[in-house]
PDB file of N, CA and C in Angstrom:
ATOM      1  N   MET A   1     -17.926  24.097 -24.995  1.00  0.00           N
ATOM      2  CA  MET A   1     -16.617  23.967 -25.796  1.00  0.00           C
ATOM      3  C   MET A   1     -16.442  21.903 -25.668  1.00  0.00           C
ATOM      4  N   ALA A   2     -15.866  21.822 -26.594  1.00  0.00           N
ATOM      5  CA  ALA A   2     -15.168  20.425 -27.052  1.00  0.00           C
ATOM      6  C   ALA A   2     -14.447  19.603 -25.806  1.00  0.00           C
ATOM      7  N   LEU A   3     -14.633  19.209 -25.153  1.00  0.00           N
ATOM      8  CA  LEU A   3     -13.512  18.377 -24.948  1.00  0.00           C
ATOM      9  C   LEU A   3     -11.748  17.588 -24.913  1.00  0.00           C
ATOM     10  N   PRO A   4     -11.492  17.760 -25.313  1.00  0.00           N
ATOM     11  CA  PRO A   4     -10.004  17.179 -25.585  1.00  0.00           C
ATOM     12  C   PRO A   4      -9.665  16.290 -25.491  1.00  0.00           C
ATOM     13  N   LEU A   5      -9.273  15.296 -26.283  1.00  0.00           N
ATOM     14  CA  LEU A   5      -9.380  13.921 -27.100  1.00  0.00           C
ATOM     15  C   LEU A   5      -8.649  13.262 -25.932  1.00  0.00           C
ATOM     16  N   ASN A   6      -6.900  13.543 -25.982  1.00  0.00           N
ATOM     17  CA  ASN A   6      -5.881  12.851 -25.557  1.00  0.00           C
ATOM     18  C   ASN A   6      -5.506  14.364 -24.709  1.00  0.00           C
ATOM     19  N   ILE A   7      -4.702  12.847 -23.145  1.00  0.00           N
ATOM     20  CA  ILE A   7      -4.645  14.584 -22.573  1.00  0.00           C
ATOM     21  C   ILE A   7      -3.542  13.419 -21.435  1.00  0.00           C
ATOM     22  N   PHE A   8      -2.357  14.396 -21.520  1.00  0.00           N
ATOM     23  CA  PHE A   8      -1.078  13.382 -20.681  1.00  0.00           C
ATOM     24  C   PHE A   8      -0.893  13.823 -19.114  1.00  0.00           C
ATOM     25  N   LYS A   9      -1.303  13.204 -18.333  1.00  0.00           N
ATOM     26  CA  LYS A   9      -0.627  13.960 -16.911  1.00  0.00           C
ATOM     27  C   LYS A   9       1.003  12.984 -16.304  1.00  0.00           C
ATOM     28  N   THR A  10       1.462  13.971 -15.553  1.00  0.00           N
ATOM     29  CA  THR A  10       2.090  12.508 -14.710  1.00  0.00           C
ATOM     30  C   THR A  10       2.117  13.278 -13.340  1.00  0.00           C
ATOM     31  N   ILE A  11       2.000  12.609 -12.883  1.00  0.00           N
ATOM     32  CA  ILE A  11       2.110  12.267 -10.827  1.00  0.00           C
ATOM     33  C   ILE A  11       3.129  11.450 -10.663  1.00  0.00           C
ATOM     34  N   THR A  12       3.820  12.328  -9.910  1.00  0.00           N
ATOM     35  CA  THR A  12       4.316  12.328  -8.682  1.00  0.00           C
ATOM     36  C   THR A  12       4.378  12.341  -7.127  1.00  0.00           C
ATOM     37  N   LYS A  13       4.765  11.450  -7.131  1.00  0.00           N
ATOM     38  CA  LYS A  13       4.326  11.532  -4.961  1.00  0.00           C
ATOM     39  C   LYS A  13       5.021  10.001  -3.809  1.00  0.00           C
ATOM     40  N   LEU A  14       5.349  11.051  -3.593  1.00  0.00           N
ATOM     41  CA  LEU A  14       6.682  10.104  -2.019  1.00  0.00           C
ATOM     42  C   LEU A  14       5.282   9.218  -1.556  1.00  0.00           C
ATOM     43  N   VAL A  15       6.132   8.331  -0.831  1.00  0.00           N
ATOM     44  CA  VAL A  15       4.684   7.375  -1.305  1.00  0.00           C
ATOM     45  C   VAL A  15       5.365   6.903   0.755  1.00  0.00           C
ATOM     46  N   PRO A  16       3.425   7.009   0.972  1.00  0.00           N
ATOM     47  CA  PRO A  16       2.907   6.836   2.767  1.00  0.00           C
ATOM     48  C   PRO A  16       3.164   6.034   2.871  1.00  0.00           C
ATOM     49  N   THR A  17       3.610   5.108   4.403  1.00  0.00           N
ATOM     50  CA  THR A  17       3.280   3.658   5.317  1.00  0.00           C
ATOM     51  C   THR A  17       1.912   3.785   4.807  1.00  0.00           C
ATOM     52  N   ASP A  18       0.711   4.415   4.501  1.00  0.00           N
ATOM     53  CA  ASP A  18      -0.650   3.074   4.587  1.00  0.00           C
ATOM     54  C   ASP A  18      -1.129   3.905   2.904  1.00  0.00           C
ATOM     55  N   PRO A  19      -2.359   3.171   2.244  1.00  0.00           N
ATOM     56  CA  PRO A  19      -2.468   3.141   1.109  1.00  0.00           C
ATOM     57  C   PRO A  19      -2.862   4.250   0.965  1.00  0.00           C
ATOM     58  N   VAL A  20      -2.481   5.284  -0.019  1.00  0.00           N
ATOM     59  CA  VAL A  20      -2.835   6.253  -0.595  1.00  0.00           C
ATOM     60  C   VAL A  20      -3.860   6.673  -1.827  1.00  0.00           C
ATOM     61  N   GLU A  21      -4.517   7.274  -2.118  1.00  0.00           N
ATOM     62  CA  GLU A  21      -5.097   7.406  -4.290  1.00  0.00           C
ATOM     63  C   GLU A  21      -3.623   7.822  -3.925  1.00  0.00           C
ATOM     64  N   VAL A  22      -3.631   7.600  -5.761  1.00  0.00           N
ATOM     65  CA  VAL A  22      -2.383   8.229  -6.377  1.00  0.00           C
ATOM     66  C   VAL A  22      -2.944   9.472  -7.664  1.00  0.00           C
ATOM     67  N   TYR A  23      -4.196   7.958  -8.068  1.00  0.00           N
ATOM     68  CA  TYR A  23      -5.171   8.806  -9.768  1.00  0.00           C
ATOM     69  C   TYR A  23      -5.869   8.052  -9.981  1.00  0.00           C
ATOM     70  N   THR A  24      -6.992   8.880  -9.853  1.00  0.00           N
ATOM     71  CA  THR A  24      -8.938   8.386 -10.247  1.00  0.00           C
ATOM     72  C   THR A  24      -9.021   8.453 -11.969  1.00  0.00           C
ATOM     73  N   ALA A  25      -9.237   7.399 -12.784  1.00  0.00           N
ATOM     74  CA  ALA A  25     -10.180   7.844 -13.931  1.00  0.00           C
ATOM     75  C   ALA A  25     -11.219   8.789 -14.325  1.00  0.00           C
ATOM     76  N   PRO A  26     -10.667   9.562 -14.808  1.00  0.00           N
ATOM     77  CA  PRO A  26     -11.641  10.330 -14.653  1.00  0.00           C
ATOM     78  C   PRO A  26     -13.135   9.864 -15.560  1.00  0.00           C
ATOM     79  N   VAL A  27     -13.881  10.734 -15.240  1.00  0.00           N
ATOM     80  CA  VAL A  27     -15.574  10.232 -15.757  1.00  0.00           C
ATOM     81  C   VAL A  27     -15.469  10.664 -17.478  1.00  0.00           C
ATOM     82  N   GLY A  28     -16.429   9.674 -18.254  1.00  0.00           N
ATOM     83  CA  GLY A  28     -16.140   9.749 -19.488  1.00  0.00           C
ATOM     84  C   GLY A  28     -14.579   9.681 -20.340  1.00  0.00           C
ATOM     85  N   TYR A  29     -13.458   9.402 -19.693  1.00  0.00           N
ATOM     86  CA  TYR A  29     -12.407   9.170 -20.102  1.00  0.00           C
ATOM     87  C   TYR A  29     -11.626   8.614 -19.710  1.00  0.00           C
ATOM     88  N   THR A  30     -10.964   7.404 -20.598  1.00  0.00           N
ATOM     89  CA  THR A  30     -10.369   5.745 -20.104  1.00  0.00           C
ATOM     90  C   THR A  30      -8.942   6.700 -19.643  1.00  0.00           C
ATOM     91  N   GLY A  31      -7.895   5.939 -18.349  1.00  0.00           N
ATOM     92  CA  GLY A  31      -6.877   6.367 -18.427  1.00  0.00           C
ATOM     93  C   GLY A  31      -6.167   5.253 -18.657  1.00  0.00           C
ATOM     94  N   VAL A  32      -4.732   5.252 -19.723  1.00  0.00           N
ATOM     95  CA  VAL A  32      -4.295   4.100 -19.725  1.00  0.00           C
ATOM     96  C   VAL A  32      -1.899   4.710 -19.111  1.00  0.00           C
ATOM     97  N   ILE A  33      -2.339   3.973 -18.013  1.00  0.00           N
ATOM     98  CA  ILE A  33      -0.300   3.814 -17.531  1.00  0.00           C
ATOM     99  C   ILE A  33       0.076   3.045 -18.617  1.00  0.00           C
ATOM    100  N   LEU A  34       1.570   4.904 -18.763  1.00  0.00           N
ATOM    101  CA  LEU A  34       1.618   4.552 -19.756  1.00  0.00           C
ATOM    102  C   LEU A  34       2.892   4.194 -18.942  1.00  0.00           C
ATOM    103  N   LEU A  35       4.326   4.431 -17.496  1.00  0.00           N
ATOM    104  CA  LEU A  35       4.891   3.928 -16.927  1.00  0.00           C
ATOM    105  C   LEU A  35       4.366   4.826 -15.320  1.00  0.00           C
ATOM    106  N   ALA A  36       5.474   3.400 -14.781  1.00  0.00           N
ATOM    107  CA  ALA A  36       5.171   3.495 -13.758  1.00  0.00           C
ATOM    108  C   ALA A  36       6.287   3.235 -13.143  1.00  0.00           C
ATOM    109  N   GLN A  37       6.727   4.109 -12.177  1.00  0.00           N
ATOM    110  CA  GLN A  37       7.815   3.623 -11.899  1.00  0.00           C
ATOM    111  C   GLN A  37       8.222   4.423 -10.168  1.00  0.00           C
ATOM    112  N   CYS A  38       8.952   3.303  -9.053  1.00  0.00           N
ATOM    113  CA  CYS A  38       8.880   4.206  -8.052  1.00  0.00           C
ATOM    114  C   CYS A  38      10.977   4.072  -7.517  1.00  0.00           C
ATOM    115  N   THR A  39      11.112   4.849  -7.097  1.00  0.00           N
ATOM    116  CA  THR A  39      12.796   5.090  -6.912  1.00  0.00           C
ATOM    117  C   THR A  39      12.895   5.160  -5.146  1.00  0.00           C
ATOM    118  N   ASN A  40      14.129   4.019  -4.349  1.00  0.00           N
ATOM    119  CA  ASN A  40      14.573   4.678  -3.561  1.00  0.00           C
ATOM    120  C   ASN A  40      15.675   4.992  -3.300  1.00  0.00           C
ATOM    121  N   THR A  41      15.438   6.221  -2.430  1.00  0.00           N
ATOM    122  CA  THR A  41      16.354   7.378  -2.519  1.00  0.00           C
ATOM    123  C   THR A  41      17.355   6.578  -0.829  1.00  0.00           C
ATOM    124  N   GLY A  42      16.757   6.061  -0.521  1.00  0.00           N
ATOM    125  CA  GLY A  42      17.363   5.497   0.823  1.00  0.00           C
ATOM    126  C   GLY A  42      18.371   4.281   0.913  1.00  0.00           C
ATOM    127  N   ASN A  43      19.126   4.117   2.471  1.00  0.00           N
ATOM    128  CA  ASN A  43      20.342   3.761   2.578  1.00  0.00           C
ATOM    129  C   ASN A  43      19.583   2.605   2.600  1.00  0.00           C
ATOM    130  N   ASP A  44      18.400   1.640   2.895  1.00  0.00           N
ATOM    131  CA  ASP A  44      17.851   0.906   2.753  1.00  0.00           C
ATOM    132  C   ASP A  44      16.849  -0.043   2.080  1.00  0.00           C
ATOM    133  N   SER A  45      16.418  -1.118   2.155  1.00  0.00           N
ATOM    134  CA  SER A  45      16.100  -2.131   1.130  1.00  0.00           C
ATOM    135  C   SER A  45      14.582  -1.377   1.498  1.00  0.00           C
ATOM    136  N   GLN A  46      13.423  -1.634   0.072  1.00  0.00           N
ATOM    137  CA  GLN A  46      12.010  -1.275   1.156  1.00  0.00           C
ATOM    138  C   GLN A  46      11.134  -2.098  -0.193  1.00  0.00           C
ATOM    139  N   ASP A  47      10.159  -1.865   0.569  1.00  0.00           N
ATOM    140  CA  ASP A  47       9.389  -2.396  -0.443  1.00  0.00           C
ATOM    141  C   ASP A  47       7.523  -2.089  -0.735  1.00  0.00           C
ATOM    142  N   LEU A  48       6.899  -1.161  -2.516  1.00  0.00           N
ATOM    143  CA  LEU A  48       6.336  -1.167  -2.340  1.00  0.00           C
ATOM    144  C   LEU A  48       5.185  -2.128  -2.688  1.00  0.00           C
ATOM    145  N   THR A  49       4.047  -1.093  -2.399  1.00  0.00           N
ATOM    146  CA  THR A  49       2.087  -2.032  -2.512  1.00  0.00           C
ATOM    147  C   THR A  49       2.395  -1.423  -3.548  1.00  0.00           C
ATOM    148  N   PHE A  50       1.367  -2.031  -4.996  1.00  0.00           N
ATOM    149  CA  PHE A  50       0.721  -1.152  -5.864  1.00  0.00           C
ATOM    150  C   PHE A  50      -0.639  -1.379  -6.305  1.00  0.00           C
ATOM    151  N   LEU A  51      -1.269  -0.849  -6.124  1.00  0.00           N
ATOM    152  CA  LEU A  51      -3.008  -1.797  -6.320  1.00  0.00           C
ATOM    153  C   LEU A  51      -4.058  -0.237  -7.031  1.00  0.00           C
ATOM    154  N   HIS A  52      -4.541  -1.750  -8.063  1.00  0.00           N
ATOM    155  CA  HIS A  52      -6.201  -1.238  -8.691  1.00  0.00           C
ATOM    156  C   HIS A  52      -7.546  -1.784  -8.276  1.00  0.00           C
ATOM    157  N   GLN A  53      -7.849  -0.927  -7.913  1.00  0.00           N
ATOM    158  CA  GLN A  53      -9.288  -0.754  -7.761  1.00  0.00           C
ATOM    159  C   GLN A  53     -10.343  -0.308  -8.253  1.00  0.00           C
ATOM    160  N   ARG A  54     -11.484  -1.108  -7.884  1.00  0.00           N
ATOM    161  CA  ARG A  54     -12.107  -0.516  -9.324  1.00  0.00           C
ATOM    162  C   ARG A  54     -13.702  -1.774  -7.970  1.00  0.00           C
ATOM    163  N   THR A  55     -14.269  -0.275  -8.479  1.00  0.00           N
ATOM    164  CA  THR A  55     -16.347  -0.652  -8.093  1.00  0.00           C
ATOM    165  C   THR A  55     -16.702  -1.389  -8.611  1.00  0.00           C
ATOM    166  N   ASN A  56     -17.129  -2.083  -8.564  1.00  0.00           N
ATOM    167  CA  ASN A  56     -18.336  -3.391  -9.041  1.00  0.00           C
ATOM    168  C   ASN A  56     -19.715  -2.751  -9.092  1.00  0.00           C
ATOM    169  N   ASN A  57     -20.249  -3.622 -10.136  1.00  0.00           N
ATOM    170  CA  ASN A  57     -21.748  -3.267 -10.409  1.00  0.00           C
ATOM    171  C   ASN A  57     -23.047  -2.957  -8.995  1.00  0.00           C
ATOM    172  N   VAL A  58     -22.397  -3.839  -7.752  1.00  0.00           N
ATOM    173  CA  VAL A  58     -23.499  -3.178  -6.481  1.00  0.00           C
ATOM    174  C   VAL A  58     -22.357  -2.388  -5.685  1.00  0.00           C
ATOM    175  N   GLY A  59     -21.739  -1.720  -5.587  1.00  0.00           N
ATOM    176  CA  GLY A  59     -20.965  -0.713  -5.283  1.00  0.00           C
ATOM    177  C   GLY A  59     -19.787  -0.652  -3.651  1.00  0.00           C
ATOM    178  N   ALA A  60     -19.527  -2.052  -4.886  1.00  0.00           N
ATOM    179  CA  ALA A  60     -18.439  -2.803  -3.395  1.00  0.00           C
ATOM    180  C   ALA A  60     -16.770  -3.231  -4.160  1.00  0.00           C
ATOM    181  N   ALA A  61     -15.911  -2.367  -4.151  1.00  0.00           N
ATOM    182  CA  ALA A  61     -14.981  -1.915  -4.053  1.00  0.00           C
ATOM    183  C   ALA A  61     -13.923  -2.635  -4.504  1.00  0.00           C
ATOM    184  N   VAL A  62     -13.116  -3.126  -5.228  1.00  0.00           N
ATOM    185  CA  VAL A  62     -12.604  -4.810  -5.736  1.00  0.00           C
ATOM    186  C   VAL A  62     -11.105  -4.090  -5.625  1.00  0.00           C
ATOM    187  N   THR A  63     -10.565  -4.559  -4.760  1.00  0.00           N
ATOM    188  CA  THR A  63      -8.799  -4.256  -4.859  1.00  0.00           C
ATOM    189  C   THR A  63      -8.247  -5.262  -5.652  1.00  0.00           C
ATOM    190  N   THR A  64      -7.263  -5.463  -6.091  1.00  0.00           N
ATOM    191  CA  THR A  64      -6.027  -6.391  -7.039  1.00  0.00           C
ATOM    192  C   THR A  64      -4.781  -5.750  -6.319  1.00  0.00           C
ATOM    193  N   ARG A  65      -4.190  -5.793  -5.952  1.00  0.00           N
ATOM    194  CA  ARG A  65      -2.762  -6.406  -6.086  1.00  0.00           C
ATOM    195  C   ARG A  65      -2.172  -6.593  -7.096  1.00  0.00           C
ATOM    196  N   ILE A  66      -1.037  -4.883  -7.842  1.00  0.00           N
ATOM    197  CA  ILE A  66      -0.129  -5.317  -9.043  1.00  0.00           C
ATOM    198  C   ILE A  66       0.801  -6.008  -8.375  1.00  0.00           C
ATOM    199  N   LEU A  67       1.059  -5.086  -7.401  1.00  0.00           N
ATOM    200  CA  LEU A  67       3.090  -5.743  -6.426  1.00  0.00           C
ATOM    201  C   LEU A  67       2.559  -5.856  -5.298  1.00  0.00           C
ATOM    202  N   LYS A  68       3.258  -6.727  -4.433  1.00  0.00           N
ATOM    203  CA  LYS A  68       2.888  -6.577  -2.892  1.00  0.00           C
ATOM    204  C   LYS A  68       3.774  -6.909  -2.388  1.00  0.00           C
ATOM    205  N   ASN A  69       4.646  -5.442  -1.631  1.00  0.00           N
ATOM    206  CA  ASN A  69       5.918  -5.868  -0.670  1.00  0.00           C
ATOM    207  C   ASN A  69       6.579  -6.132  -1.825  1.00  0.00           C
ATOM    208  N   PHE A  70       6.719  -5.506  -2.523  1.00  0.00           N
ATOM    209  CA  PHE A  70       7.920  -5.431  -3.806  1.00  0.00           C
ATOM    210  C   PHE A  70       9.252  -4.703  -3.529  1.00  0.00           C
ATOM    211  N   PRO A  71       9.906  -5.508  -2.933  1.00  0.00           N
ATOM    212  CA  PRO A  71      11.722  -5.035  -2.785  1.00  0.00           C
ATOM    213  C   PRO A  71      12.744  -4.021  -4.334  1.00  0.00           C
ATOM    214  N   ILE A  72      12.350  -3.009  -3.414  1.00  0.00           N
ATOM    215  CA  ILE A  72      13.080  -2.251  -4.022  1.00  0.00           C
ATOM    216  C   ILE A  72      14.326  -1.655  -3.391  1.00  0.00           C
ATOM    217  N   ALA A  73      16.048  -2.226  -4.498  1.00  0.00           N
ATOM    218  CA  ALA A  73      17.163  -1.652  -3.354  1.00  0.00           C
ATOM    219  C   ALA A  73      17.523  -0.296  -2.869  1.00  0.00           C
ATOM    220  N   SER A  74      18.531  -0.136  -1.847  1.00  0.00           N
ATOM    221  CA  SER A  74      19.033   1.299  -2.056  1.00  0.00           C
ATOM    222  C   SER A  74      18.819   1.534  -3.070  1.00  0.00           C
ATOM    223  N   THR A  75      18.645   2.911  -2.983  1.00  0.00           N
ATOM    224  CA  THR A  75      19.608   3.582  -4.942  1.00  0.00           C
ATOM    225  C   THR A  75      18.830   3.606  -6.589  1.00  0.00           C
ATOM    226  N   ASP A  76      17.122   2.094  -6.452  1.00  0.00           N
ATOM    227  CA  ASP A  76      17.519   1.606  -7.410  1.00  0.00           C
ATOM    228  C   ASP A  76      16.282   1.670  -7.004  1.00  0.00           C
ATOM    229  N   THR A  77      16.209   1.525  -8.812  1.00  0.00           N
ATOM    230  CA  THR A  77      14.167   1.983  -9.735  1.00  0.00           C
ATOM    231  C   THR A  77      13.894   1.226  -9.503  1.00  0.00           C
ATOM    232  N   ALA A  78      12.544   1.102  -9.969  1.00  0.00           N
ATOM    233  CA  ALA A  78      11.555  -0.126  -9.823  1.00  0.00           C
ATOM    234  C   ALA A  78      10.793   0.032 -10.721  1.00  0.00           C
ATOM    235  N   ASN A  79      10.291  -0.393 -12.238  1.00  0.00           N
ATOM    236  CA  ASN A  79      10.047  -0.245 -13.367  1.00  0.00           C
ATOM    237  C   ASN A  79       8.839  -1.116 -12.787  1.00  0.00           C
ATOM    238  N   LEU A  80       7.454  -0.976 -12.500  1.00  0.00           N
ATOM    239  CA  LEU A  80       6.606  -1.355 -11.911  1.00  0.00           C
ATOM    240  C   LEU A  80       5.889  -2.342 -12.640  1.00  0.00           C
ATOM    241  N   LEU A  81       5.093  -1.838 -14.304  1.00  0.00           N
ATOM    242  CA  LEU A  81       4.451  -3.047 -15.091  1.00  0.00           C
ATOM    243  C   LEU A  81       5.166  -2.785 -15.974  1.00  0.00           C
ATOM    244  N   ALA A  82       5.170  -4.561 -17.068  1.00  0.00           N
ATOM    245  CA  ALA A  82       5.745  -4.269 -18.186  1.00  0.00           C
ATOM    246  C   ALA A  82       5.284  -4.190 -19.448  1.00  0.00           C
ATOM    247  N   GLY A  83       3.908  -3.724 -19.496  1.00  0.00           N
ATOM    248  CA  GLY A  83       3.134  -2.588 -20.137  1.00  0.00           C
ATOM    249  C   GLY A  83       2.266  -1.760 -19.717  1.00  0.00           C
ATOM    250  N   LYS A  84       0.793  -1.978 -20.741  1.00  0.00           N
ATOM    251  CA  LYS A  84       0.481  -0.599 -20.024  1.00  0.00           C
ATOM    252  C   LYS A  84      -0.864  -1.179 -19.105  1.00  0.00           C
ATOM    253  N   LEU A  85      -1.558  -0.960 -18.424  1.00  0.00           N
ATOM    254  CA  LEU A  85      -2.483  -0.768 -17.553  1.00  0.00           C
ATOM    255  C   LEU A  85      -3.537   0.084 -18.025  1.00  0.00           C
ATOM    256  N   VAL A  86      -5.335  -0.807 -18.684  1.00  0.00           N
ATOM    257  CA  VAL A  86      -5.860   0.356 -18.999  1.00  0.00           C
ATOM    258  C   VAL A  86      -6.580   0.620 -18.143  1.00  0.00           C
ATOM    259  N   LEU A  87      -7.455   1.704 -17.550  1.00  0.00           N
ATOM    260  CA  LEU A  87      -8.445   1.947 -16.568  1.00  0.00           C
ATOM    261  C   LEU A  87      -9.300   2.352 -16.811  1.00  0.00           C
ATOM    262  N   GLU A  88     -10.772   2.222 -16.787  1.00  0.00           N
ATOM    263  CA  GLU A  88     -11.841   2.475 -16.458  1.00  0.00           C
ATOM    264  C   GLU A  88     -12.319   3.610 -15.674  1.00  0.00           C
ATOM    265  N   SER A  89     -13.288   4.593 -16.348  1.00  0.00           N
ATOM    266  CA  SER A  89     -14.093   5.191 -15.227  1.00  0.00           C
ATOM    267  C   SER A  89     -14.108   4.563 -13.641  1.00  0.00           C
ATOM    268  N   ASN A  90     -13.109   5.719 -13.607  1.00  0.00           N
ATOM    269  CA  ASN A  90     -13.342   5.789 -12.373  1.00  0.00           C
ATOM    270  C   ASN A  90     -12.495   4.650 -11.411  1.00  0.00           C
ATOM    271  N   ASP A  91     -11.983   3.940 -11.733  1.00  0.00           N
ATOM    272  CA  ASP A  91     -11.016   2.710 -11.667  1.00  0.00           C
ATOM    273  C   ASP A  91      -9.133   3.544 -10.665  1.00  0.00           C
ATOM    274  N   VAL A  92      -9.115   3.235  -9.525  1.00  0.00           N
ATOM    275  CA  VAL A  92      -8.291   3.894  -9.341  1.00  0.00           C
ATOM    276  C   VAL A  92      -7.277   3.227  -8.657  1.00  0.00           C
ATOM    277  N   VAL A  93      -6.129   3.990  -8.840  1.00  0.00           N
ATOM    278  CA  VAL A  93      -4.170   3.008  -8.294  1.00  0.00           C
ATOM    279  C   VAL A  93      -4.361   3.976  -7.048  1.00  0.00           C
ATOM    280  N   LEU A  94      -3.229   2.889  -6.413  1.00  0.00           N
ATOM    281  CA  LEU A  94      -3.375   3.327  -5.029  1.00  0.00           C
ATOM    282  C   LEU A  94      -1.670   2.825  -4.211  1.00  0.00           C
ATOM    283  N   ILE A  95      -1.202   2.886  -3.928  1.00  0.00           N
ATOM    284  CA  ILE A  95       0.319   2.458  -2.775  1.00  0.00           C
ATOM    285  C   ILE A  95       0.045   3.132  -2.025  1.00  0.00           C
ATOM    286  N   SER A  96       1.814   1.786  -1.962  1.00  0.00           N
ATOM    287  CA  SER A  96       2.004   2.490  -0.286  1.00  0.00           C
ATOM    288  C   SER A  96       3.459   1.507   0.119  1.00  0.00           C
ATOM    289  N   GLY A  97       3.971   2.058   1.104  1.00  0.00           N
ATOM    290  CA  GLY A  97       5.522   1.330   1.004  1.00  0.00           C
ATOM    291  C   GLY A  97       5.956   1.500   2.432  1.00  0.00           C
ATOM    292  N   SER A  98       7.160   0.465   3.471  1.00  0.00           N
ATOM    293  CA  SER A  98       8.021   0.193   3.960  1.00  0.00           C
ATOM    294  C   SER A  98       7.739   1.436   4.845  1.00  0.00           C
ATOM    295  N   ASN A  99       8.225   2.587   3.690  1.00  0.00           N
ATOM    296  CA  ASN A  99       9.442   3.574   4.502  1.00  0.00           C
ATOM    297  C   ASN A  99       8.333   4.991   4.227  1.00  0.00           C
ATOM    298  N   ALA A 100       8.123   6.361   4.466  1.00  0.00           N
ATOM    299  CA  ALA A 100       7.053   6.945   4.462  1.00  0.00           C
ATOM    300  C   ALA A 100       8.272   8.594   3.411  1.00  0.00           C
ATOM    301  N   THR A 101       9.750   7.725   3.613  1.00  0.00           N
ATOM    302  CA  THR A 101      10.712   9.061   3.068  1.00  0.00           C
ATOM    303  C   THR A 101      11.549   8.791   2.003  1.00  0.00           C
ATOM    304  N   ASP A 102      11.476   7.242   2.103  1.00  0.00           N
ATOM    305  CA  ASP A 102      12.608   7.443   0.619  1.00  0.00           C
ATOM    306  C   ASP A 102      11.937   6.932  -0.599  1.00  0.00           C
ATOM    307  N   LEU A 103      10.774   6.349  -0.931  1.00  0.00           N
ATOM    308  CA  LEU A 103      10.118   6.003  -1.723  1.00  0.00           C
ATOM    309  C   LEU A 103       9.351   7.051  -2.667  1.00  0.00           C
ATOM    310  N   GLU A 104      10.576   7.207  -3.926  1.00  0.00           N
ATOM    311  CA  GLU A 104       9.657   8.372  -5.087  1.00  0.00           C
ATOM    312  C   GLU A 104       9.255   7.873  -6.273  1.00  0.00           C
ATOM    313  N   PHE A 105       7.929   7.939  -5.849  1.00  0.00           N
ATOM    314  CA  PHE A 105       7.037   7.356  -7.149  1.00  0.00           C
ATOM    315  C   PHE A 105       6.093   8.481  -8.654  1.00  0.00           C
ATOM    316  N   ILE A 106       6.374   7.213  -9.661  1.00  0.00           N
ATOM    317  CA  ILE A 106       5.924   8.629 -10.461  1.00  0.00           C
ATOM    318  C   ILE A 106       4.827   7.986 -11.383  1.00  0.00           C
ATOM    319  N   LEU A 107       4.204   8.533 -12.714  1.00  0.00           N
ATOM    320  CA  LEU A 107       2.899   7.817 -12.683  1.00  0.00           C
ATOM    321  C   LEU A 107       3.133   8.964 -14.083  1.00  0.00           C
ATOM    322  N   SER A 108       2.512   8.218 -15.326  1.00  0.00           N
ATOM    323  CA  SER A 108       2.689   8.434 -16.793  1.00  0.00           C
ATOM    324  C   SER A 108       1.473   8.129 -17.054  1.00  0.00           C
ATOM    325  N   ILE A 109       0.424   8.632 -17.343  1.00  0.00           N
ATOM    326  CA  ILE A 109      -0.778   8.794 -17.879  1.00  0.00           C
ATOM    327  C   ILE A 109      -1.223   9.775 -19.442  1.00  0.00           C
ATOM    328  N   LEU A 110      -2.016   8.862 -19.913  1.00  0.00           N
ATOM    329  CA  LEU A 110      -2.927   9.123 -21.232  1.00  0.00           C
ATOM    330  C   LEU A 110      -4.899   8.588 -20.591  1.00  0.00           C
ATOM    331  N   GLU A 111      -4.912  10.319 -21.117  1.00  0.00           N
ATOM    332  CA  GLU A 111      -6.176   9.975 -21.148  1.00  0.00           C
ATOM    333  C   GLU A 111      -7.171  10.373 -22.217  1.00  0.00           C
ATOM    334  N   THR A 112      -7.668   9.293 -22.574  1.00  0.00           N
ATOM    335  CA  THR A 112      -8.685   9.218 -23.493  1.00  0.00           C
ATOM    336  C   THR A 112     -10.311   9.712 -23.149  1.00  0.00           C
ATOM    337  N   LEU A 113     -10.708  10.444 -24.131  1.00  0.00           N
ATOM    338  CA  LEU A 113     -11.682  10.838 -24.053  1.00  0.00           C
ATOM    339  C   LEU A 113     -12.422   9.134 -24.663  1.00  0.00           C
ATOM    340  N   ASN A 114     -13.917   9.281 -24.617  1.00  0.00           N
ATOM    341  CA  ASN A 114     -14.722   7.456 -24.402  1.00  0.00           C
ATOM    342  C   ASN A 114     -15.599   8.192 -25.390  1.00  0.00           C
TER     343      ASN A 114
END
């Protein structure tokens, strides 16, 4: 059976206080993040950290901070990317926040066959 050329995915997550993997680009596919947003449903400002992680050629994880302790005002939504982000096979996206109950994250991804 042939693999699909394009797969669209939407991932939602309540943001925890410790970094957690939200998405990993599957082997044989390139992941293109089309949208990354986070909403603060609480009464106080909360901070969000948004990370990209890639394993280099010697097997060590290289983490790049896209946003670090980015403040999101009470009852506000933040767009986390100004454009698209291309993820190679096995690249990982991680998130964490200052509060484990108030930050709601959504990610829209296009996976395209390599």
